[in-house]
Amino acid sequence: GVRVYCRVHHEEHQEYLKNLGVQEIIQPEFEA
């Protein structure tokens, strides 16, 4: 039940991390 927040550098990794169970994905370049 833990909520996972994960940074990612490459856009192509977003879907992969979502499938692993990450609820919040943060890409530093996109946030900037």
PDB file of all heavy atoms in Angstrom:
ATOM      1  N   GLY A   1       0.793  -1.233   0.000  1.00  0.00           N
ATOM      2  CA  GLY A   1       0.000   0.000   0.000  1.00  0.00           C
ATOM      3  C   GLY A   1       0.820   1.275   0.000  1.00  0.00           C
ATOM      4  O   GLY A   1       0.255   2.375   0.028  1.00  0.00           O
ATOM      5  N   VAL A   2       2.153   1.166  -0.043  1.00  0.00           N
ATOM      6  CA  VAL A   2       2.999   2.370  -0.005  1.00  0.00           C
ATOM      7  C   VAL A   2       2.841   3.174  -1.297  1.00  0.00           C
ATOM      8  O   VAL A   2       2.683   2.610  -2.381  1.00  0.00           O
ATOM      9  CB  VAL A   2       4.481   1.980   0.226  1.00  0.00           C
ATOM     10  CG1 VAL A   2       5.075   1.314  -1.011  1.00  0.00           C
ATOM     11  CG2 VAL A   2       5.310   3.200   0.614  1.00  0.00           C
ATOM     12  N   ARG A   3       2.879   4.502  -1.171  1.00  0.00           N
ATOM     13  CA  ARG A   3       2.776   5.375  -2.351  1.00  0.00           C
ATOM     14  C   ARG A   3       4.196   5.707  -2.824  1.00  0.00           C
ATOM     15  O   ARG A   3       5.007   6.217  -2.056  1.00  0.00           O
ATOM     16  CB  ARG A   3       2.009   6.647  -2.019  1.00  0.00           C
ATOM     17  CG  ARG A   3       1.650   7.470  -3.251  1.00  0.00           C
ATOM     18  CD  ARG A   3       0.572   8.504  -2.946  1.00  0.00           C
ATOM     19  NE  ARG A   3       0.156   9.181  -4.162  1.00  0.00           N
ATOM     20  CZ  ARG A   3      -0.737   8.726  -5.016  1.00  0.00           C
ATOM     21  NH1 ARG A   3      -1.323   7.570  -4.780  1.00  0.00           N
ATOM     22  NH2 ARG A   3      -1.073   9.409  -6.100  1.00  0.00           N
ATOM     23  N   VAL A   4       4.464   5.405  -4.092  1.00  0.00           N
ATOM     24  CA  VAL A   4       5.819   5.543  -4.626  1.00  0.00           C
ATOM     25  C   VAL A   4       5.932   6.791  -5.501  1.00  0.00           C
ATOM     26  O   VAL A   4       5.143   6.974  -6.434  1.00  0.00           O
ATOM     27  CB  VAL A   4       6.230   4.292  -5.441  1.00  0.00           C
ATOM     28  CG1 VAL A   4       7.662   4.419  -5.943  1.00  0.00           C
ATOM     29  CG2 VAL A   4       6.076   3.031  -4.598  1.00  0.00           C
ATOM     30  N   TYR A   5       6.925   7.632  -5.192  1.00  0.00           N
ATOM     31  CA  TYR A   5       7.258   8.823  -5.993  1.00  0.00           C
ATOM     32  C   TYR A   5       8.642   8.585  -6.588  1.00  0.00           C
ATOM     33  O   TYR A   5       9.601   8.349  -5.849  1.00  0.00           O
ATOM     34  CB  TYR A   5       7.287  10.084  -5.125  1.00  0.00           C
ATOM     35  CG  TYR A   5       5.972  10.414  -4.475  1.00  0.00           C
ATOM     36  CD1 TYR A   5       5.541   9.733  -3.329  1.00  0.00           C
ATOM     37  CD2 TYR A   5       5.147  11.409  -4.996  1.00  0.00           C
ATOM     38  CE1 TYR A   5       4.328  10.029  -2.726  1.00  0.00           C
ATOM     39  CE2 TYR A   5       3.934  11.716  -4.399  1.00  0.00           C
ATOM     40  CZ  TYR A   5       3.533  11.027  -3.273  1.00  0.00           C
ATOM     41  OH  TYR A   5       2.330  11.320  -2.679  1.00  0.00           O
ATOM     42  N   CYS A   6       8.738   8.640  -7.901  1.00  0.00           N
ATOM     43  CA  CYS A   6       9.998   8.265  -8.560  1.00  0.00           C
ATOM     44  C   CYS A   6      10.393   9.285  -9.626  1.00  0.00           C
ATOM     45  O   CYS A   6       9.557   9.712 -10.420  1.00  0.00           O
ATOM     46  CB  CYS A   6       9.843   6.878  -9.196  1.00  0.00           C
ATOM     47  SG  CYS A   6      11.357   6.217  -9.905  1.00  0.00           S
ATOM     48  N   ARG A   7      11.675   9.679  -9.619  1.00  0.00           N
ATOM     49  CA  ARG A   7      12.187  10.554 -10.677  1.00  0.00           C
ATOM     50  C   ARG A   7      12.597   9.704 -11.872  1.00  0.00           C
ATOM     51  O   ARG A   7      12.966   8.534 -11.719  1.00  0.00           O
ATOM     52  CB  ARG A   7      13.372  11.391 -10.192  1.00  0.00           C
ATOM     53  CG  ARG A   7      14.618  10.573  -9.908  1.00  0.00           C
ATOM     54  CD  ARG A   7      15.779  11.396  -9.406  1.00  0.00           C
ATOM     55  NE  ARG A   7      16.425  12.110 -10.485  1.00  0.00           N
ATOM     56  CZ  ARG A   7      17.624  12.688 -10.366  1.00  0.00           C
ATOM     57  NH1 ARG A   7      18.287  12.636  -9.234  1.00  0.00           N
ATOM     58  NH2 ARG A   7      18.159  13.320 -11.381  1.00  0.00           N
ATOM     59  N   VAL A   8      12.511  10.277 -13.050  1.00  0.00           N
ATOM     60  CA  VAL A   8      12.895   9.559 -14.266  1.00  0.00           C
ATOM     61  C   VAL A   8      13.531  10.547 -15.235  1.00  0.00           C
ATOM     62  O   VAL A   8      13.128  11.704 -15.304  1.00  0.00           O
ATOM     63  CB  VAL A   8      11.655   8.856 -14.892  1.00  0.00           C
ATOM     64  CG1 VAL A   8      10.619   9.869 -15.345  1.00  0.00           C
ATOM     65  CG2 VAL A   8      12.060   7.968 -16.051  1.00  0.00           C
ATOM     66  N   HIS A   9      14.548  10.090 -15.942  1.00  0.00           N
ATOM     67  CA  HIS A   9      15.240  10.984 -16.890  1.00  0.00           C
ATOM     68  C   HIS A   9      14.689  10.862 -18.305  1.00  0.00           C
ATOM     69  O   HIS A   9      14.664  11.832 -19.049  1.00  0.00           O
ATOM     70  CB  HIS A   9      16.740  10.682 -16.893  1.00  0.00           C
ATOM     71  CG  HIS A   9      17.508  11.464 -15.875  1.00  0.00           C
ATOM     72  ND1 HIS A   9      17.556  12.837 -15.864  1.00  0.00           N
ATOM     73  CD2 HIS A   9      18.239  11.060 -14.808  1.00  0.00           C
ATOM     74  CE1 HIS A   9      18.308  13.260 -14.854  1.00  0.00           C
ATOM     75  NE2 HIS A   9      18.726  12.197 -14.202  1.00  0.00           N
ATOM     76  N   HIS A  10      14.262   9.674 -18.681  1.00  0.00           N
ATOM     77  CA  HIS A  10      13.856   9.433 -20.062  1.00  0.00           C
ATOM     78  C   HIS A  10      12.357   9.156 -20.142  1.00  0.00           C
ATOM     79  O   HIS A  10      11.816   8.379 -19.362  1.00  0.00           O
ATOM     80  CB  HIS A  10      14.636   8.256 -20.651  1.00  0.00           C
ATOM     81  CG  HIS A  10      16.125   8.445 -20.597  1.00  0.00           C
ATOM     82  ND1 HIS A  10      16.787   9.337 -21.406  1.00  0.00           N
ATOM     83  CD2 HIS A  10      17.072   7.882 -19.795  1.00  0.00           C
ATOM     84  CE1 HIS A  10      18.088   9.303 -21.134  1.00  0.00           C
ATOM     85  NE2 HIS A  10      18.285   8.426 -20.150  1.00  0.00           N
ATOM     86  N   GLU A  11      11.710   9.774 -21.107  1.00  0.00           N
ATOM     87  CA  GLU A  11      10.260   9.643 -21.259  1.00  0.00           C
ATOM     88  C   GLU A  11       9.838   8.191 -21.503  1.00  0.00           C
ATOM     89  O   GLU A  11       8.781   7.765 -21.041  1.00  0.00           O
ATOM     90  CB  GLU A  11       9.780  10.518 -22.425  1.00  0.00           C
ATOM     91  CG  GLU A  11       9.892  12.008 -22.156  1.00  0.00           C
ATOM     92  CD  GLU A  11       9.390  12.856 -23.316  1.00  0.00           C
ATOM     93  OE1 GLU A  11       8.561  12.338 -24.088  1.00  0.00           O
ATOM     94  OE2 GLU A  11       9.830  14.014 -23.450  1.00  0.00           O
ATOM     95  N   GLU A  12      10.676   7.436 -22.207  1.00  0.00           N
ATOM     96  CA  GLU A  12      10.301   6.066 -22.541  1.00  0.00           C
ATOM     97  C   GLU A  12      10.239   5.151 -21.305  1.00  0.00           C
ATOM     98  O   GLU A  12       9.690   4.042 -21.374  1.00  0.00           O
ATOM     99  CB  GLU A  12      11.265   5.464 -23.577  1.00  0.00           C
ATOM    100  CG  GLU A  12      12.729   5.459 -23.178  1.00  0.00           C
ATOM    101  CD  GLU A  12      13.493   6.693 -23.642  1.00  0.00           C
ATOM    102  OE1 GLU A  12      12.860   7.742 -23.853  1.00  0.00           O
ATOM    103  OE2 GLU A  12      14.719   6.592 -23.770  1.00  0.00           O
ATOM    104  N   HIS A  13      10.790   5.597 -20.170  1.00  0.00           N
ATOM    105  CA  HIS A  13      10.757   4.794 -18.947  1.00  0.00           C
ATOM    106  C   HIS A  13       9.476   5.008 -18.136  1.00  0.00           C
ATOM    107  O   HIS A  13       9.225   4.260 -17.190  1.00  0.00           O
ATOM    108  CB  HIS A  13      11.961   5.129 -18.061  1.00  0.00           C
ATOM    109  CG  HIS A  13      13.277   4.738 -18.678  1.00  0.00           C
ATOM    110  ND1 HIS A  13      14.494   5.243 -18.260  1.00  0.00           N
ATOM    111  CD2 HIS A  13      13.559   3.886 -19.708  1.00  0.00           C
ATOM    112  CE1 HIS A  13      15.451   4.732 -18.988  1.00  0.00           C
ATOM    113  NE2 HIS A  13      14.923   3.910 -19.877  1.00  0.00           N
ATOM    114  N   GLN A  14       8.675   6.031 -18.486  1.00  0.00           N
ATOM    115  CA  GLN A  14       7.484   6.361 -17.704  1.00  0.00           C
ATOM    116  C   GLN A  14       6.488   5.201 -17.644  1.00  0.00           C
ATOM    117  O   GLN A  14       6.037   4.811 -16.559  1.00  0.00           O
ATOM    118  CB  GLN A  14       6.789   7.597 -18.291  1.00  0.00           C
ATOM    119  CG  GLN A  14       7.548   8.878 -18.038  1.00  0.00           C
ATOM    120  CD  GLN A  14       6.875  10.078 -18.657  1.00  0.00           C
ATOM    121  OE1 GLN A  14       7.383  11.176 -18.599  1.00  0.00           O
ATOM    122  NE2 GLN A  14       5.712   9.888 -19.264  1.00  0.00           N
ATOM    123  N   GLU A  15       6.135   4.654 -18.793  1.00  0.00           N
ATOM    124  CA  GLU A  15       5.144   3.579 -18.854  1.00  0.00           C
ATOM    125  C   GLU A  15       5.633   2.345 -18.105  1.00  0.00           C
ATOM    126  O   GLU A  15       4.861   1.671 -17.418  1.00  0.00           O
ATOM    127  CB  GLU A  15       4.853   3.231 -20.323  1.00  0.00           C
ATOM    128  CG  GLU A  15       3.585   2.418 -20.543  1.00  0.00           C
ATOM    129  CD  GLU A  15       2.319   3.177 -20.134  1.00  0.00           C
ATOM    130  OE1 GLU A  15       2.269   4.410 -20.341  1.00  0.00           O
ATOM    131  OE2 GLU A  15       1.408   2.522 -19.596  1.00  0.00           O
ATOM    132  N   TYR A  16       6.923   2.069 -18.218  1.00  0.00           N
ATOM    133  CA  TYR A  16       7.522   0.919 -17.550  1.00  0.00           C
ATOM    134  C   TYR A  16       7.389   1.050 -16.028  1.00  0.00           C
ATOM    135  O   TYR A  16       7.001   0.097 -15.339  1.00  0.00           O
ATOM    136  CB  TYR A  16       8.998   0.820 -17.950  1.00  0.00           C
ATOM    137  CG  TYR A  16       9.753  -0.318 -17.295  1.00  0.00           C
ATOM    138  CD1 TYR A  16       9.575  -1.636 -17.710  1.00  0.00           C
ATOM    139  CD2 TYR A  16      10.642  -0.060 -16.254  1.00  0.00           C
ATOM    140  CE1 TYR A  16      10.268  -2.666 -17.112  1.00  0.00           C
ATOM    141  CE2 TYR A  16      11.340  -1.096 -15.643  1.00  0.00           C
ATOM    142  CZ  TYR A  16      11.142  -2.399 -16.081  1.00  0.00           C
ATOM    143  OH  TYR A  16      11.824  -3.411 -15.476  1.00  0.00           O
ATOM    144  N   LEU A  17       7.692   2.252 -15.500  1.00  0.00           N
ATOM    145  CA  LEU A  17       7.597   2.473 -14.061  1.00  0.00           C
ATOM    146  C   LEU A  17       6.151   2.445 -13.575  1.00  0.00           C
ATOM    147  O   LEU A  17       5.864   1.958 -12.480  1.00  0.00           O
ATOM    148  CB  LEU A  17       8.254   3.806 -13.690  1.00  0.00           C
ATOM    149  CG  LEU A  17       9.790   3.844 -13.816  1.00  0.00           C
ATOM    150  CD1 LEU A  17      10.315   5.258 -13.642  1.00  0.00           C
ATOM    151  CD2 LEU A  17      10.443   2.918 -12.802  1.00  0.00           C
ATOM    152  N   LYS A  18       5.233   2.943 -14.389  1.00  0.00           N
ATOM    153  CA  LYS A  18       3.801   2.889 -14.036  1.00  0.00           C
ATOM    154  C   LYS A  18       3.346   1.441 -13.885  1.00  0.00           C
ATOM    155  O   LYS A  18       2.608   1.097 -12.961  1.00  0.00           O
ATOM    156  CB  LYS A  18       2.955   3.582 -15.112  1.00  0.00           C
ATOM    157  CG  LYS A  18       2.925   5.092 -15.011  1.00  0.00           C
ATOM    158  CD  LYS A  18       2.023   5.654 -16.093  1.00  0.00           C
ATOM    159  CE  LYS A  18       2.038   7.174 -16.083  1.00  0.00           C
ATOM    160  NZ  LYS A  18       1.209   7.730 -17.173  1.00  0.00           N
ATOM    161  N   ASN A  19       3.800   0.585 -14.797  1.00  0.00           N
ATOM    162  CA  ASN A  19       3.432  -0.828 -14.747  1.00  0.00           C
ATOM    163  C   ASN A  19       4.005  -1.533 -13.523  1.00  0.00           C
ATOM    164  O   ASN A  19       3.469  -2.546 -13.064  1.00  0.00           O
ATOM    165  CB  ASN A  19       3.885  -1.556 -16.016  1.00  0.00           C
ATOM    166  CG  ASN A  19       3.128  -1.076 -17.250  1.00  0.00           C
ATOM    167  OD1 ASN A  19       1.990  -0.624 -17.146  1.00  0.00           O
ATOM    168  ND2 ASN A  19       3.762  -1.157 -18.405  1.00  0.00           N
ATOM    169  N   LEU A  20       5.108  -0.990 -12.986  1.00  0.00           N
ATOM    170  CA  LEU A  20       5.707  -1.573 -11.784  1.00  0.00           C
ATOM    171  C   LEU A  20       4.934  -1.190 -10.516  1.00  0.00           C
ATOM    172  O   LEU A  20       5.135  -1.791  -9.464  1.00  0.00           O
ATOM    173  CB  LEU A  20       7.168  -1.113 -11.638  1.00  0.00           C
ATOM    174  CG  LEU A  20       8.188  -1.712 -12.616  1.00  0.00           C
ATOM    175  CD1 LEU A  20       9.559  -1.111 -12.366  1.00  0.00           C
ATOM    176  CD2 LEU A  20       8.253  -3.221 -12.499  1.00  0.00           C
ATOM    177  N   GLY A  21       4.086  -0.154 -10.639  1.00  0.00           N
ATOM    178  CA  GLY A  21       3.290   0.249  -9.482  1.00  0.00           C
ATOM    179  C   GLY A  21       3.620   1.625  -8.943  1.00  0.00           C
ATOM    180  O   GLY A  21       3.218   1.969  -7.825  1.00  0.00           O
ATOM    181  N   VAL A  22       4.351   2.437  -9.725  1.00  0.00           N
ATOM    182  CA  VAL A  22       4.679   3.802  -9.294  1.00  0.00           C
ATOM    183  C   VAL A  22       3.484   4.713  -9.548  1.00  0.00           C
ATOM    184  O   VAL A  22       2.991   4.792 -10.669  1.00  0.00           O
ATOM    185  CB  VAL A  22       5.922   4.334 -10.050  1.00  0.00           C
ATOM    186  CG1 VAL A  22       6.236   5.756  -9.624  1.00  0.00           C
ATOM    187  CG2 VAL A  22       7.108   3.421  -9.817  1.00  0.00           C
ATOM    188  N   GLN A  23       3.035   5.412  -8.484  1.00  0.00           N
ATOM    189  CA  GLN A  23       1.871   6.296  -8.632  1.00  0.00           C
ATOM    190  C   GLN A  23       2.250   7.672  -9.163  1.00  0.00           C
ATOM    191  O   GLN A  23       1.508   8.272  -9.936  1.00  0.00           O
ATOM    192  CB  GLN A  23       1.153   6.466  -7.274  1.00  0.00           C
ATOM    193  CG  GLN A  23       0.436   5.231  -6.782  1.00  0.00           C
ATOM    194  CD  GLN A  23       1.348   4.314  -5.961  1.00  0.00           C
ATOM    195  OE1 GLN A  23       2.553   4.525  -5.920  1.00  0.00           O
ATOM    196  NE2 GLN A  23       0.757   3.308  -5.333  1.00  0.00           N
ATOM    197  N   GLU A  24       3.419   8.179  -8.743  1.00  0.00           N
ATOM    198  CA  GLU A  24       3.821   9.538  -9.126  1.00  0.00           C
ATOM    199  C   GLU A  24       5.194   9.495  -9.797  1.00  0.00           C
ATOM    200  O   GLU A  24       6.175   9.080  -9.176  1.00  0.00           O
ATOM    201  CB  GLU A  24       3.874  10.458  -7.907  1.00  0.00           C
ATOM    202  CG  GLU A  24       2.542  10.623  -7.181  1.00  0.00           C
ATOM    203  CD  GLU A  24       1.533  11.431  -7.989  1.00  0.00           C
ATOM    204  OE1 GLU A  24       1.949  12.123  -8.935  1.00  0.00           O
ATOM    205  OE2 GLU A  24       0.336  11.359  -7.670  1.00  0.00           O
ATOM    206  N   ILE A  25       5.238   9.902 -11.072  1.00  0.00           N
ATOM    207  CA  ILE A  25       6.502   9.939 -11.813  1.00  0.00           C
ATOM    208  C   ILE A  25       6.869  11.385 -12.085  1.00  0.00           C
ATOM    209  O   ILE A  25       6.049  12.159 -12.596  1.00  0.00           O
ATOM    210  CB  ILE A  25       6.390   9.157 -13.137  1.00  0.00           C
ATOM    211  CG1 ILE A  25       6.126   7.676 -12.843  1.00  0.00           C
ATOM    212  CG2 ILE A  25       7.646   9.312 -13.972  1.00  0.00           C
ATOM    213  CD1 ILE A  25       5.792   6.859 -14.060  1.00  0.00           C
ATOM    214  N   ILE A  26       8.094  11.750 -11.734  1.00  0.00           N
ATOM    215  CA  ILE A  26       8.549  13.137 -11.909  1.00  0.00           C
ATOM    216  C   ILE A  26       9.772  13.141 -12.813  1.00  0.00           C
ATOM    217  O   ILE A  26      10.780  12.476 -12.527  1.00  0.00           O
ATOM    218  CB  ILE A  26       8.915  13.785 -10.547  1.00  0.00           C
ATOM    219  CG1 ILE A  26       7.684  13.848  -9.638  1.00  0.00           C
ATOM    220  CG2 ILE A  26       9.480  15.187 -10.770  1.00  0.00           C
ATOM    221  CD1 ILE A  26       7.537  12.676  -8.720  1.00  0.00           C
ATOM    222  N   GLN A  27       9.653  13.851 -13.912  1.00  0.00           N
ATOM    223  CA  GLN A  27      10.801  14.023 -14.816  1.00  0.00           C
ATOM    224  C   GLN A  27      11.338  15.435 -14.622  1.00  0.00           C
ATOM    225  O   GLN A  27      10.658  16.412 -14.946  1.00  0.00           O
ATOM    226  CB  GLN A  27      10.400  13.807 -16.270  1.00  0.00           C
ATOM    227  CG  GLN A  27      11.606  13.800 -17.209  1.00  0.00           C
ATOM    228  CD  GLN A  27      11.204  13.639 -18.670  1.00  0.00           C
ATOM    229  OE1 GLN A  27      10.033  13.595 -18.996  1.00  0.00           O
ATOM    230  NE2 GLN A  27      12.198  13.551 -19.532  1.00  0.00           N
ATOM    231  N   PRO A  28      12.541  15.601 -14.044  1.00  0.00           N
ATOM    232  CA  PRO A  28      13.066  16.931 -13.715  1.00  0.00           C
ATOM    233  C   PRO A  28      13.037  17.926 -14.871  1.00  0.00           C
ATOM    234  O   PRO A  28      12.662  19.078 -14.696  1.00  0.00           O
ATOM    235  CB  PRO A  28      14.507  16.637 -13.267  1.00  0.00           C
ATOM    236  CG  PRO A  28      14.463  15.227 -12.784  1.00  0.00           C
ATOM    237  CD  PRO A  28      13.458  14.534 -13.651  1.00  0.00           C
ATOM    238  N   GLU A  29      13.415  17.450 -16.074  1.00  0.00           N
ATOM    239  CA  GLU A  29      13.450  18.361 -17.227  1.00  0.00           C
ATOM    240  C   GLU A  29      12.045  18.855 -17.580  1.00  0.00           C
ATOM    241  O   GLU A  29      11.857  20.039 -17.908  1.00  0.00           O
ATOM    242  CB  GLU A  29      14.075  17.656 -18.439  1.00  0.00           C
ATOM    243  CG  GLU A  29      15.543  17.290 -18.279  1.00  0.00           C
ATOM    244  CD  GLU A  29      15.767  15.983 -17.548  1.00  0.00           C
ATOM    245  OE1 GLU A  29      14.777  15.345 -17.127  1.00  0.00           O
ATOM    246  OE2 GLU A  29      16.940  15.607 -17.377  1.00  0.00           O
ATOM    247  N   PHE A  30      11.054  17.958 -17.485  1.00  0.00           N
ATOM    248  CA  PHE A  30       9.680  18.339 -17.811  1.00  0.00           C
ATOM    249  C   PHE A  30       9.116  19.284 -16.749  1.00  0.00           C
ATOM    250  O   PHE A  30       8.413  20.249 -17.072  1.00  0.00           O
ATOM    251  CB  PHE A  30       8.802  17.089 -17.922  1.00  0.00           C
ATOM    252  CG  PHE A  30       7.363  17.396 -18.259  1.00  0.00           C
ATOM    253  CD1 PHE A  30       7.023  17.890 -19.516  1.00  0.00           C
ATOM    254  CD2 PHE A  30       6.360  17.218 -17.323  1.00  0.00           C
ATOM    255  CE1 PHE A  30       5.697  18.185 -19.835  1.00  0.00           C
ATOM    256  CE2 PHE A  30       5.038  17.506 -17.622  1.00  0.00           C
ATOM    257  CZ  PHE A  30       4.701  17.992 -18.887  1.00  0.00           C
ATOM    258  N   GLU A  31       9.443  19.025 -15.468  1.00  0.00           N
ATOM    259  CA  GLU A  31       8.979  19.901 -14.392  1.00  0.00           C
ATOM    260  C   GLU A  31       9.578  21.300 -14.540  1.00  0.00           C
ATOM    261  O   GLU A  31       8.912  22.304 -14.281  1.00  0.00           O
ATOM    262  CB  GLU A  31       9.358  19.318 -13.022  1.00  0.00           C
ATOM    263  CG  GLU A  31       8.656  18.017 -12.694  1.00  0.00           C
ATOM    264  CD  GLU A  31       7.137  18.161 -12.626  1.00  0.00           C
ATOM    265  OE1 GLU A  31       6.648  19.215 -12.159  1.00  0.00           O
ATOM    266  OE2 GLU A  31       6.431  17.227 -13.051  1.00  0.00           O
ATOM    267  N   ALA A  32      10.843  21.354 -14.982  1.00  0.00           N
ATOM    268  CA  ALA A  32      11.483  22.665 -15.231  1.00  0.00           C
ATOM    269  C   ALA A  32      10.767  23.390 -16.373  1.00  0.00           C
ATOM    270  O   ALA A  32      10.528  24.601 -16.300  1.00  0.00           O
ATOM    271  CB  ALA A  32      12.958  22.465 -15.569  1.00  0.00           C
TER     272      ALA A  32
END
